[in-house]
C-alpha atoms as a PDB file:
ATOM      1  CA  UNK A   1      11.970  81.401 -21.001  1.00  0.00           C
ATOM      2  CA  UNK A   2      15.224  80.801 -20.010  1.00  0.00           C
ATOM      3  CA  UNK A   3      14.643  82.225 -16.305  1.00  0.00           C
ATOM      4  CA  UNK A   4      11.348  80.019 -16.044  1.00  0.00           C
ATOM      5  CA  UNK A   5      12.872  77.278 -16.907  1.00  0.00           C
ATOM      6  CA  UNK A   6      15.927  77.460 -14.423  1.00  0.00           C
ATOM      7  CA  UNK A   7      13.017  78.254 -11.796  1.00  0.00           C
ATOM      8  CA  UNK A   8      11.280  74.947 -12.959  1.00  0.00           C
ATOM      9  CA  UNK A   9      14.461  72.987 -12.752  1.00  0.00           C
ATOM     10  CA  UNK A  10      15.247  74.267  -9.154  1.00  0.00           C
ATOM     11  CA  UNK A  11      11.975  73.812  -7.856  1.00  0.00           C
ATOM     12  CA  UNK A  12      12.114  70.059  -8.993  1.00  0.00           C
ATOM     13  CA  UNK A  13      15.504  69.617  -7.823  1.00  0.00           C
ATOM     14  CA  UNK A  14      14.561  70.727  -4.664  1.00  0.00           C
ATOM     15  CA  UNK A  15      11.223  68.751  -4.333  1.00  0.00           C
ATOM     16  CA  UNK A  16      13.418  65.867  -5.323  1.00  0.00           C
ATOM     17  CA  UNK A  17      15.981  65.944  -2.670  1.00  0.00           C
ATOM     18  CA  UNK A  18      12.863  66.501  -0.010  1.00  0.00           C
ATOM     19  CA  UNK A  19      11.636  63.332  -1.086  1.00  0.00           C
ATOM     20  CA  UNK A  20      14.541  61.437  -0.677  1.00  0.00           C
ATOM     21  CA  UNK A  21      15.330  63.184   2.528  1.00  0.00           C
ATOM     22  CA  UNK A  22      11.708  62.381   3.770  1.00  0.00           C
ATOM     23  CA  UNK A  23      12.998  58.720   3.279  1.00  0.00           C
ATOM     24  CA  UNK A  24      16.526  58.471   5.171  1.00  0.00           C
ATOM     25  CA  UNK A  25      16.609  56.180   8.042  1.00  0.00           C
ATOM     26  CA  UNK A  26      16.631  57.796  11.624  1.00  0.00           C
ATOM     27  CA  UNK A  27      19.013  57.050  14.512  1.00  0.00           C
ATOM     28  CA  UNK A  28      18.801  54.847  17.302  1.00  0.00           C
ATOM     29  CA  UNK A  29      21.251  57.445  19.653  1.00  0.00           C
ATOM     30  CA  UNK A  30      20.627  60.596  21.001  1.00  0.00           C
ATOM     31  CA  UNK A  31      20.218  63.150  18.243  1.00  0.00           C
ATOM     32  CA  UNK A  32      22.104  66.263  20.079  1.00  0.00           C
ATOM     33  CA  UNK A  33      22.942  69.442  18.227  1.00  0.00           C
ATOM     34  CA  UNK A  34      26.201  71.175  19.222  1.00  0.00           C
ATOM     35  CA  UNK A  35      25.031  75.261  20.758  1.00  0.00           C
ATOM     36  CA  UNK A  36      24.845  78.026  18.014  1.00  0.00           C
ATOM     37  CA  UNK A  37      27.618  80.290  18.636  1.00  0.00           C
ATOM     38  CA  UNK A  38      25.431  83.346  18.145  1.00  0.00           C
ATOM     39  CA  UNK A  39      21.673  82.205  17.982  1.00  0.00           C
ATOM     40  CA  UNK A  40      21.037  85.883  18.957  1.00  0.00           C
ATOM     41  CA  UNK A  41      22.316  86.927  15.166  1.00  0.00           C
ATOM     42  CA  UNK A  42      19.568  88.257  12.904  1.00  0.00           C
ATOM     43  CA  UNK A  43      21.250  86.077  10.182  1.00  0.00           C
ATOM     44  CA  UNK A  44      21.065  82.741  12.093  1.00  0.00           C
ATOM     45  CA  UNK A  45      18.594  80.619   9.933  1.00  0.00           C
ATOM     46  CA  UNK A  46      15.389  80.139  12.298  1.00  0.00           C
ATOM     47  CA  UNK A  47      15.444  76.538  10.731  1.00  0.00           C
ATOM     48  CA  UNK A  48      18.361  75.970  13.645  1.00  0.00           C
ATOM     49  CA  UNK A  49      16.712  77.596  16.353  1.00  0.00           C
ATOM     50  CA  UNK A  50      13.419  75.592  15.911  1.00  0.00           C
ATOM     51  CA  UNK A  51      15.085  72.517  15.100  1.00  0.00           C
ATOM     52  CA  UNK A  52      16.666  72.864  18.692  1.00  0.00           C
ATOM     53  CA  UNK A  53      13.655  72.799  20.756  1.00  0.00           C
ATOM     54  CA  UNK A  54      12.493  69.535  22.391  1.00  0.00           C
ATOM     55  CA  UNK A  55       9.625  70.600  23.544  1.00  0.00           C
ATOM     56  CA  UNK A  56       6.302  73.121  22.996  1.00  0.00           C
ATOM     57  CA  UNK A  57       6.069  76.373  24.215  1.00  0.00           C
ATOM     58  CA  UNK A  58       3.475  76.636  27.122  1.00  0.00           C
ATOM     59  CA  UNK A  59       1.254  78.721  25.572  1.00  0.00           C
ATOM     60  CA  UNK A  60      -2.299  78.711  24.549  1.00  0.00           C
ATOM     61  CA  UNK A  61      -2.817  76.310  21.400  1.00  0.00           C
ATOM     62  CA  UNK A  62      -2.359  78.545  18.060  1.00  0.00           C
ATOM     63  CA  UNK A  63      -1.735  78.089  14.889  1.00  0.00           C
ATOM     64  CA  UNK A  64       0.615  81.368  14.174  1.00  0.00           C
ATOM     65  CA  UNK A  65       1.440  82.454  10.052  1.00  0.00           C
ATOM     66  CA  UNK A  66       1.189  80.237   6.851  1.00  0.00           C
ATOM     67  CA  UNK A  67       2.051  76.575   6.446  1.00  0.00           C
ATOM     68  CA  UNK A  68       5.479  77.387   4.944  1.00  0.00           C
ATOM     69  CA  UNK A  69       6.326  80.520   7.249  1.00  0.00           C
ATOM     70  CA  UNK A  70       5.214  80.324  10.563  1.00  0.00           C
ATOM     71  CA  UNK A  71       5.190  78.572  13.725  1.00  0.00           C
ATOM     72  CA  UNK A  72       2.787  76.402  16.762  1.00  0.00           C
ATOM     73  CA  UNK A  73       2.079  77.761  20.121  1.00  0.00           C
ATOM     74  CA  UNK A  74       1.145  74.985  22.632  1.00  0.00           C
ATOM     75  CA  UNK A  75       1.424  72.049  20.427  1.00  0.00           C
ATOM     76  CA  UNK A  76       0.581  68.437  21.477  1.00  0.00           C
ATOM     77  CA  UNK A  77       2.619  65.229  20.484  1.00  0.00           C
ATOM     78  CA  UNK A  78       0.928  62.520  19.028  1.00  0.00           C
ATOM     79  CA  UNK A  79       1.355  58.834  21.004  1.00  0.00           C
ATOM     80  CA  UNK A  80       4.112  57.339  19.434  1.00  0.00           C
ATOM     81  CA  UNK A  81       1.362  53.951  20.007  1.00  0.00           C
ATOM     82  CA  UNK A  82      -2.316  53.853  19.121  1.00  0.00           C
ATOM     83  CA  UNK A  83      -5.117  51.814  18.504  1.00  0.00           C
ATOM     84  CA  UNK A  84      -4.891  51.917  14.788  1.00  0.00           C
ATOM     85  CA  UNK A  85      -1.572  54.320  14.534  1.00  0.00           C
ATOM     86  CA  UNK A  86       2.454  54.262  15.308  1.00  0.00           C
ATOM     87  CA  UNK A  87       4.983  56.632  14.673  1.00  0.00           C
ATOM     88  CA  UNK A  88       7.820  56.800  12.528  1.00  0.00           C
ATOM     89  CA  UNK A  89      11.205  57.844  13.022  1.00  0.00           C
ATOM     90  CA  UNK A  90      10.897  58.903  16.417  1.00  0.00           C
ATOM     91  CA  UNK A  91      14.752  60.415  16.456  1.00  0.00           C
ATOM     92  CA  UNK A  92      13.246  63.506  14.595  1.00  0.00           C
ATOM     93  CA  UNK A  93      10.890  64.468  17.067  1.00  0.00           C
ATOM     94  CA  UNK A  94       8.442  65.805  14.316  1.00  0.00           C
ATOM     95  CA  UNK A  95       5.132  64.282  16.037  1.00  0.00           C
ATOM     96  CA  UNK A  96       3.780  67.470  16.940  1.00  0.00           C
ATOM     97  CA  UNK A  97       0.635  69.342  15.949  1.00  0.00           C
ATOM     98  CA  UNK A  98      -2.273  71.555  17.199  1.00  0.00           C
ATOM     99  CA  UNK A  99      -4.320  69.701  19.243  1.00  0.00           C
ATOM    100  CA  UNK A 100      -7.345  69.909  16.200  1.00  0.00           C
ATOM    101  CA  UNK A 101      -4.505  68.294  14.048  1.00  0.00           C
ATOM    102  CA  UNK A 102      -3.682  65.498  16.995  1.00  0.00           C
ATOM    103  CA  UNK A 103      -7.650  64.982  17.184  1.00  0.00           C
ATOM    104  CA  UNK A 104      -8.253  64.697  13.933  1.00  0.00           C
ATOM    105  CA  UNK A 105      -5.207  61.855  13.366  1.00  0.00           C
ATOM    106  CA  UNK A 106      -6.704  60.295  16.296  1.00  0.00           C
ATOM    107  CA  UNK A 107     -10.241  59.926  14.406  1.00  0.00           C
ATOM    108  CA  UNK A 108      -8.966  59.123  11.086  1.00  0.00           C
ATOM    109  CA  UNK A 109      -6.397  56.066  12.146  1.00  0.00           C
ATOM    110  CA  UNK A 110      -9.255  54.496  14.014  1.00  0.00           C
ATOM    111  CA  UNK A 111     -11.905  55.143  10.769  1.00  0.00           C
ATOM    112  CA  UNK A 112      -9.156  53.291   8.652  1.00  0.00           C
ATOM    113  CA  UNK A 113      -9.723  49.644   9.552  1.00  0.00           C
ATOM    114  CA  UNK A 114     -13.225  50.467   9.138  1.00  0.00           C
ATOM    115  CA  UNK A 115     -13.145  51.557   5.386  1.00  0.00           C
ATOM    116  CA  UNK A 116     -10.168  49.037   4.414  1.00  0.00           C
ATOM    117  CA  UNK A 117      -8.137  46.369   4.983  1.00  0.00           C
ATOM    118  CA  UNK A 118      -5.172  48.063   6.442  1.00  0.00           C
ATOM    119  CA  UNK A 119      -4.796  47.689  10.338  1.00  0.00           C
ATOM    120  CA  UNK A 120      -3.978  51.398  11.340  1.00  0.00           C
ATOM    121  CA  UNK A 121      -1.764  54.285   9.712  1.00  0.00           C
ATOM    122  CA  UNK A 122       2.052  54.812   9.851  1.00  0.00           C
ATOM    123  CA  UNK A 123       2.444  58.308  10.670  1.00  0.00           C
ATOM    124  CA  UNK A 124       5.312  60.109   9.252  1.00  0.00           C
ATOM    125  CA  UNK A 125       6.051  63.811   9.984  1.00  0.00           C
ATOM    126  CA  UNK A 126       3.949  66.484  11.439  1.00  0.00           C
ATOM    127  CA  UNK A 127       5.757  69.171  12.876  1.00  0.00           C
ATOM    128  CA  UNK A 128       8.343  70.046  15.503  1.00  0.00           C
ATOM    129  CA  UNK A 129       7.474  70.776  18.960  1.00  0.00           C
ATOM    130  CA  UNK A 130       7.190  74.691  18.296  1.00  0.00           C
ATOM    131  CA  UNK A 131       6.702  74.149  14.746  1.00  0.00           C
ATOM    132  CA  UNK A 132       8.635  76.661  12.400  1.00  0.00           C
ATOM    133  CA  UNK A 133      10.989  75.644   9.763  1.00  0.00           C
ATOM    134  CA  UNK A 134      12.968  72.042   9.621  1.00  0.00           C
ATOM    135  CA  UNK A 135      16.487  71.529   9.355  1.00  0.00           C
ATOM    136  CA  UNK A 136      15.987  69.133   7.087  1.00  0.00           C
ATOM    137  CA  UNK A 137      13.099  67.789   4.392  1.00  0.00           C
ATOM    138  CA  UNK A 138      10.049  70.192   4.164  1.00  0.00           C
ATOM    139  CA  UNK A 139       9.377  73.902   3.140  1.00  0.00           C
ATOM    140  CA  UNK A 140       5.760  73.428   4.956  1.00  0.00           C
ATOM    141  CA  UNK A 141       4.890  71.349   8.317  1.00  0.00           C
ATOM    142  CA  UNK A 142       5.651  74.810  10.594  1.00  0.00           C
ATOM    143  CA  UNK A 143       2.266  75.562  11.901  1.00  0.00           C
ATOM    144  CA  UNK A 144       1.132  71.982  13.369  1.00  0.00           C
ATOM    145  CA  UNK A 145      -1.344  71.386  10.423  1.00  0.00           C
ATOM    146  CA  UNK A 146       0.529  69.261   8.297  1.00  0.00           C
ATOM    147  CA  UNK A 147       0.829  65.359   8.473  1.00  0.00           C
ATOM    148  CA  UNK A 148       2.514  63.055   6.330  1.00  0.00           C
ATOM    149  CA  UNK A 149       0.973  59.113   5.943  1.00  0.00           C
ATOM    150  CA  UNK A 150       3.189  56.477   4.523  1.00  0.00           C
ATOM    151  CA  UNK A 151       1.460  54.236   2.008  1.00  0.00           C
ATOM    152  CA  UNK A 152       2.149  51.499   4.033  1.00  0.00           C
ATOM    153  CA  UNK A 153      -0.420  49.959   6.010  1.00  0.00           C
ATOM    154  CA  UNK A 154       0.412  49.561   9.671  1.00  0.00           C
ATOM    155  CA  UNK A 155       1.272  45.901  10.741  1.00  0.00           C
ATOM    156  CA  UNK A 156      -0.687  44.115  13.152  1.00  0.00           C
ATOM    157  CA  UNK A 157       2.159  43.969  15.815  1.00  0.00           C
ATOM    158  CA  UNK A 158       4.259  46.853  17.135  1.00  0.00           C
ATOM    159  CA  UNK A 159       7.258  48.010  15.158  1.00  0.00           C
ATOM    160  CA  UNK A 160      10.548  48.167  16.967  1.00  0.00           C
ATOM    161  CA  UNK A 161      12.327  51.141  17.654  1.00  0.00           C
ATOM    162  CA  UNK A 162      14.973  50.040  14.800  1.00  0.00           C
ATOM    163  CA  UNK A 163      12.285  49.543  12.303  1.00  0.00           C
ATOM    164  CA  UNK A 164      10.661  52.796  13.073  1.00  0.00           C
ATOM    165  CA  UNK A 165      14.252  54.427  12.234  1.00  0.00           C
ATOM    166  CA  UNK A 166      15.337  52.238   9.357  1.00  0.00           C
ATOM    167  CA  UNK A 167      12.458  50.919   7.013  1.00  0.00           C
ATOM    168  CA  UNK A 168      11.408  52.584   4.251  1.00  0.00           C
ATOM    169  CA  UNK A 169       7.650  53.462   3.294  1.00  0.00           C
ATOM    170  CA  UNK A 170       6.318  51.782  -0.128  1.00  0.00           C
ATOM    171  CA  UNK A 171       6.742  53.176  -3.091  1.00  0.00           C
ATOM    172  CA  UNK A 172       3.481  52.769  -5.198  1.00  0.00           C
ATOM    173  CA  UNK A 173       4.551  54.829  -8.422  1.00  0.00           C
ATOM    174  CA  UNK A 174       5.787  52.643 -11.706  1.00  0.00           C
ATOM    175  CA  UNK A 175       9.500  53.056 -12.433  1.00  0.00           C
ATOM    176  CA  UNK A 176       9.029  55.453 -15.441  1.00  0.00           C
ATOM    177  CA  UNK A 177       6.662  58.294 -13.285  1.00  0.00           C
ATOM    178  CA  UNK A 178       3.740  57.873 -15.688  1.00  0.00           C
ATOM    179  CA  UNK A 179       1.118  55.754 -13.773  1.00  0.00           C
ATOM    180  CA  UNK A 180       1.089  53.576 -10.326  1.00  0.00           C
ATOM    181  CA  UNK A 181       2.537  50.230 -10.409  1.00  0.00           C
ATOM    182  CA  UNK A 182      -0.307  47.992 -10.317  1.00  0.00           C
ATOM    183  CA  UNK A 183       1.976  45.530  -8.020  1.00  0.00           C
ATOM    184  CA  UNK A 184       1.895  47.753  -5.440  1.00  0.00           C
ATOM    185  CA  UNK A 185      -0.589  49.951  -5.285  1.00  0.00           C
ATOM    186  CA  UNK A 186      -4.437  48.656  -4.085  1.00  0.00           C
ATOM    187  CA  UNK A 187      -7.703  49.577  -3.889  1.00  0.00           C
ATOM    188  CA  UNK A 188      -7.088  49.978   0.043  1.00  0.00           C
ATOM    189  CA  UNK A 189      -4.890  53.079  -1.005  1.00  0.00           C
ATOM    190  CA  UNK A 190      -7.850  54.765  -2.868  1.00  0.00           C
ATOM    191  CA  UNK A 191     -10.197  53.716   0.342  1.00  0.00           C
ATOM    192  CA  UNK A 192      -7.900  55.344   3.037  1.00  0.00           C
ATOM    193  CA  UNK A 193      -6.875  58.524   0.778  1.00  0.00           C
ATOM    194  CA  UNK A 194     -11.066  58.818   0.306  1.00  0.00           C
ATOM    195  CA  UNK A 195     -11.436  58.424   3.709  1.00  0.00           C
ATOM    196  CA  UNK A 196      -8.916  61.794   4.591  1.00  0.00           C
ATOM    197  CA  UNK A 197      -9.989  63.895   1.617  1.00  0.00           C
ATOM    198  CA  UNK A 198     -14.160  63.438   2.694  1.00  0.00           C
ATOM    199  CA  UNK A 199     -13.601  65.039   6.470  1.00  0.00           C
ATOM    200  CA  UNK A 200     -14.509  68.433   6.271  1.00  0.00           C
ATOM    201  CA  UNK A 201     -11.339  69.598   8.291  1.00  0.00           C
ATOM    202  CA  UNK A 202      -8.758  68.618   5.532  1.00  0.00           C
ATOM    203  CA  UNK A 203      -7.688  71.513   3.163  1.00  0.00           C
ATOM    204  CA  UNK A 204      -5.769  69.886   0.581  1.00  0.00           C
ATOM    205  CA  UNK A 205      -4.170  65.951   0.232  1.00  0.00           C
ATOM    206  CA  UNK A 206      -0.738  65.903  -1.947  1.00  0.00           C
ATOM    207  CA  UNK A 207       0.131  63.199  -4.162  1.00  0.00           C
ATOM    208  CA  UNK A 208       2.470  61.916  -6.829  1.00  0.00           C
ATOM    209  CA  UNK A 209       0.697  62.900  -9.937  1.00  0.00           C
ATOM    210  CA  UNK A 210       0.720  59.033 -10.871  1.00  0.00           C
ATOM    211  CA  UNK A 211      -1.507  58.448  -7.762  1.00  0.00           C
ATOM    212  CA  UNK A 212      -3.754  61.446  -9.022  1.00  0.00           C
ATOM    213  CA  UNK A 213      -4.001  59.737 -12.098  1.00  0.00           C
ATOM    214  CA  UNK A 214      -4.960  56.096 -10.616  1.00  0.00           C
ATOM    215  CA  UNK A 215      -7.640  58.089  -8.139  1.00  0.00           C
ATOM    216  CA  UNK A 216      -9.371  60.088 -11.342  1.00  0.00           C
ATOM    217  CA  UNK A 217      -9.157  56.351 -12.886  1.00  0.00           C
ATOM    218  CA  UNK A 218     -10.722  54.607 -10.162  1.00  0.00           C
ATOM    219  CA  UNK A 219     -12.999  56.870  -8.110  1.00  0.00           C
ATOM    220  CA  UNK A 220     -16.679  55.552  -7.624  1.00  0.00           C
ATOM    221  CA  UNK A 221     -19.824  57.153  -6.873  1.00  0.00           C
ATOM    222  CA  UNK A 222     -19.558  60.864  -5.456  1.00  0.00           C
ATOM    223  CA  UNK A 223     -16.169  62.291  -6.788  1.00  0.00           C
ATOM    224  CA  UNK A 224     -16.924  64.912  -4.935  1.00  0.00           C
ATOM    225  CA  UNK A 225     -13.464  64.992  -2.892  1.00  0.00           C
ATOM    226  CA  UNK A 226     -11.078  64.587  -5.708  1.00  0.00           C
ATOM    227  CA  UNK A 227     -10.574  68.272  -5.776  1.00  0.00           C
ATOM    228  CA  UNK A 228      -8.961  67.953  -2.758  1.00  0.00           C
ATOM    229  CA  UNK A 229      -6.435  65.508  -4.084  1.00  0.00           C
ATOM    230  CA  UNK A 230      -3.750  67.796  -5.156  1.00  0.00           C
ATOM    231  CA  UNK A 231      -0.509  66.290  -7.307  1.00  0.00           C
ATOM    232  CA  UNK A 232       2.869  67.926  -6.389  1.00  0.00           C
ATOM    233  CA  UNK A 233       6.665  67.075  -6.451  1.00  0.00           C
ATOM    234  CA  UNK A 234       7.385  64.119  -4.333  1.00  0.00           C
ATOM    235  CA  UNK A 235       5.080  62.264  -2.539  1.00  0.00           C
ATOM    236  CA  UNK A 236       5.084  58.609  -4.013  1.00  0.00           C
ATOM    237  CA  UNK A 237       5.972  57.476  -0.566  1.00  0.00           C
ATOM    238  CA  UNK A 238       3.363  58.741   1.230  1.00  0.00           C
ATOM    239  CA  UNK A 239       0.181  61.449   1.181  1.00  0.00           C
ATOM    240  CA  UNK A 240       0.548  64.723   3.053  1.00  0.00           C
ATOM    241  CA  UNK A 241      -2.441  65.709   4.920  1.00  0.00           C
ATOM    242  CA  UNK A 242      -3.082  69.179   5.179  1.00  0.00           C
ATOM    243  CA  UNK A 243      -6.087  70.977   7.766  1.00  0.00           C
ATOM    244  CA  UNK A 244      -7.666  73.792   7.382  1.00  0.00           C
ATOM    245  CA  UNK A 245      -7.344  76.605   9.896  1.00  0.00           C
ATOM    246  CA  UNK A 246      -8.834  76.150  13.118  1.00  0.00           C
ATOM    247  CA  UNK A 247     -11.907  78.708  13.124  1.00  0.00           C
ATOM    248  CA  UNK A 248     -10.832  81.940  14.940  1.00  0.00           C
ATOM    249  CA  UNK A 249      -7.458  81.444  14.361  1.00  0.00           C
ATOM    250  CA  UNK A 250      -6.966  84.977  13.221  1.00  0.00           C
ATOM    251  CA  UNK A 251      -3.054  84.771  13.131  1.00  0.00           C
ATOM    252  CA  UNK A 252      -3.274  81.068  11.217  1.00  0.00           C
ATOM    253  CA  UNK A 253      -3.067  81.799   7.230  1.00  0.00           C
ATOM    254  CA  UNK A 254      -5.295  79.985   4.868  1.00  0.00           C
ATOM    255  CA  UNK A 255      -4.076  78.300   1.572  1.00  0.00           C
ATOM    256  CA  UNK A 256      -6.253  79.512  -1.284  1.00  0.00           C
ATOM    257  CA  UNK A 257      -9.431  77.491  -1.895  1.00  0.00           C
ATOM    258  CA  UNK A 258      -8.789  74.203  -4.082  1.00  0.00           C
ATOM    259  CA  UNK A 259      -9.589  75.055  -7.674  1.00  0.00           C
ATOM    260  CA  UNK A 260     -13.386  73.806  -8.543  1.00  0.00           C
ATOM    261  CA  UNK A 261     -13.381  70.534 -10.422  1.00  0.00           C
ATOM    262  CA  UNK A 262     -12.264  67.126  -9.968  1.00  0.00           C
ATOM    263  CA  UNK A 263      -8.630  67.892 -11.434  1.00  0.00           C
ATOM    264  CA  UNK A 264      -8.910  64.790 -13.850  1.00  0.00           C
ATOM    265  CA  UNK A 265      -8.932  67.006 -16.824  1.00  0.00           C
ATOM    266  CA  UNK A 266      -6.025  68.195 -19.315  1.00  0.00           C
ATOM    267  CA  UNK A 267      -4.648  70.481 -16.526  1.00  0.00           C
ATOM    268  CA  UNK A 268      -3.149  67.038 -15.269  1.00  0.00           C
ATOM    269  CA  UNK A 269      -1.139  66.118 -18.641  1.00  0.00           C
ATOM    270  CA  UNK A 270       1.699  68.993 -17.264  1.00  0.00           C
ATOM    271  CA  UNK A 271       2.685  66.564 -14.532  1.00  0.00           C
ATOM    272  CA  UNK A 272       3.938  63.975 -17.114  1.00  0.00           C
ATOM    273  CA  UNK A 273       5.343  66.585 -19.328  1.00  0.00           C
ATOM    274  CA  UNK A 274       9.277  65.928 -20.177  1.00  0.00           C
ATOM    275  CA  UNK A 275      10.208  69.255 -17.891  1.00  0.00           C
ATOM    276  CA  UNK A 276       8.929  67.678 -15.130  1.00  0.00           C
ATOM    277  CA  UNK A 277       9.494  64.124 -15.370  1.00  0.00           C
ATOM    278  CA  UNK A 278      12.874  65.115 -16.928  1.00  0.00           C
ATOM    279  CA  UNK A 279      14.046  68.393 -15.611  1.00  0.00           C
ATOM    280  CA  UNK A 280      17.296  69.997 -16.302  1.00  0.00           C
ATOM    281  CA  UNK A 281      19.753  70.023 -13.618  1.00  0.00           C
ATOM    282  CA  UNK A 282      19.232  73.449 -11.368  1.00  0.00           C
ATOM    283  CA  UNK A 283      21.796  75.931 -11.264  1.00  0.00           C
ATOM    284  CA  UNK A 284      23.527  75.555  -7.597  1.00  0.00           C
ATOM    285  CA  UNK A 285      22.228  78.783  -6.336  1.00  0.00           C
ATOM    286  CA  UNK A 286      20.339  77.965  -2.861  1.00  0.00           C
ATOM    287  CA  UNK A 287      17.743  80.112  -1.487  1.00  0.00           C
ATOM    288  CA  UNK A 288      18.626  81.735   1.546  1.00  0.00           C
ATOM    289  CA  UNK A 289      17.400  79.867   5.051  1.00  0.00           C
ATOM    290  CA  UNK A 290      14.558  81.894   6.512  1.00  0.00           C
ATOM    291  CA  UNK A 291      15.830  83.862   9.702  1.00  0.00           C
ATOM    292  CA  UNK A 292      13.287  85.059  12.273  1.00  0.00           C
ATOM    293  CA  UNK A 293      13.214  88.150  10.838  1.00  0.00           C
ATOM    294  CA  UNK A 294      11.016  86.676   8.132  1.00  0.00           C
ATOM    295  CA  UNK A 295       8.454  84.800  10.177  1.00  0.00           C
ATOM    296  CA  UNK A 296       5.344  86.495  12.076  1.00  0.00           C
ATOM    297  CA  UNK A 297       6.767  88.889  14.655  1.00  0.00           C
ATOM    298  CA  UNK A 298       4.570  86.126  17.411  1.00  0.00           C
ATOM    299  CA  UNK A 299       7.145  83.297  16.592  1.00  0.00           C
ATOM    300  CA  UNK A 300       9.844  85.006  18.400  1.00  0.00           C
ATOM    301  CA  UNK A 301       7.734  84.595  21.719  1.00  0.00           C
ATOM    302  CA  UNK A 302       6.898  81.208  21.005  1.00  0.00           C
ATOM    303  CA  UNK A 303      10.760  80.485  20.459  1.00  0.00           C
ATOM    304  CA  UNK A 304      11.661  82.162  23.931  1.00  0.00           C
ATOM    305  CA  UNK A 305       8.826  80.898  25.645  1.00  0.00           C
ATOM    306  CA  UNK A 306       9.581  79.404  29.142  1.00  0.00           C
END
């Protein structure tokens, strides 16, 4: 039991840290990392290698591996400005994805003004140019099928570079973490998340448990899409869209299907337990970073492709 408590505390601590990192400000200057002393060493963290790649692997577009342990070949970047979207934190260079994700986001963004009062969406982190583990912020987002959408509507003007690096997304969860903040949560938030969940390409959407509670309470009509909206640590400033593996891509490992039902039953209570809302401090024994040997073998080809 004590081991389980320690593991839970570590997970909660890591999730909280990543939620904070997601809101960290970017930089207006050049984000240049120093060269590695011995990049080919087996012990070199894969995140140090993939984090230094500035462009995509010039290969056929493919997702390789699992969402939290894989890479991306032939990635495309989402344009930083579109008719109904703007990309945030440009200094991170994380607006890359599989062509299926790019096409989905472009179409989803255009749909948002039709289902809500939002002019469009603000897009946070997607993937790095070649996917793979990231230096900061995420365990997933490695194969080009994940995207964070801010819980802030796109303004009716083009944001400046400084605004994209420094402004924060909207925190819609109440201070006690038990429900959404009624001064910030709106029917438009529900409509936008619903529009994403109803797309057949979407495998899951991750939100804060308080957001899931509000959606369970407020959704009307056909509620079958609710099963895709899953509570998870953090996600109180943004919601996380995950696409299923593209058809025919055998190297891509899909996540297990979502459990049946709306997810609005007693299982939701766990996320409001004292252990989750007020975890004990985690022991300082960080997991060792993923190395290239722990990724699919094809990821080395992706990393080295010229």
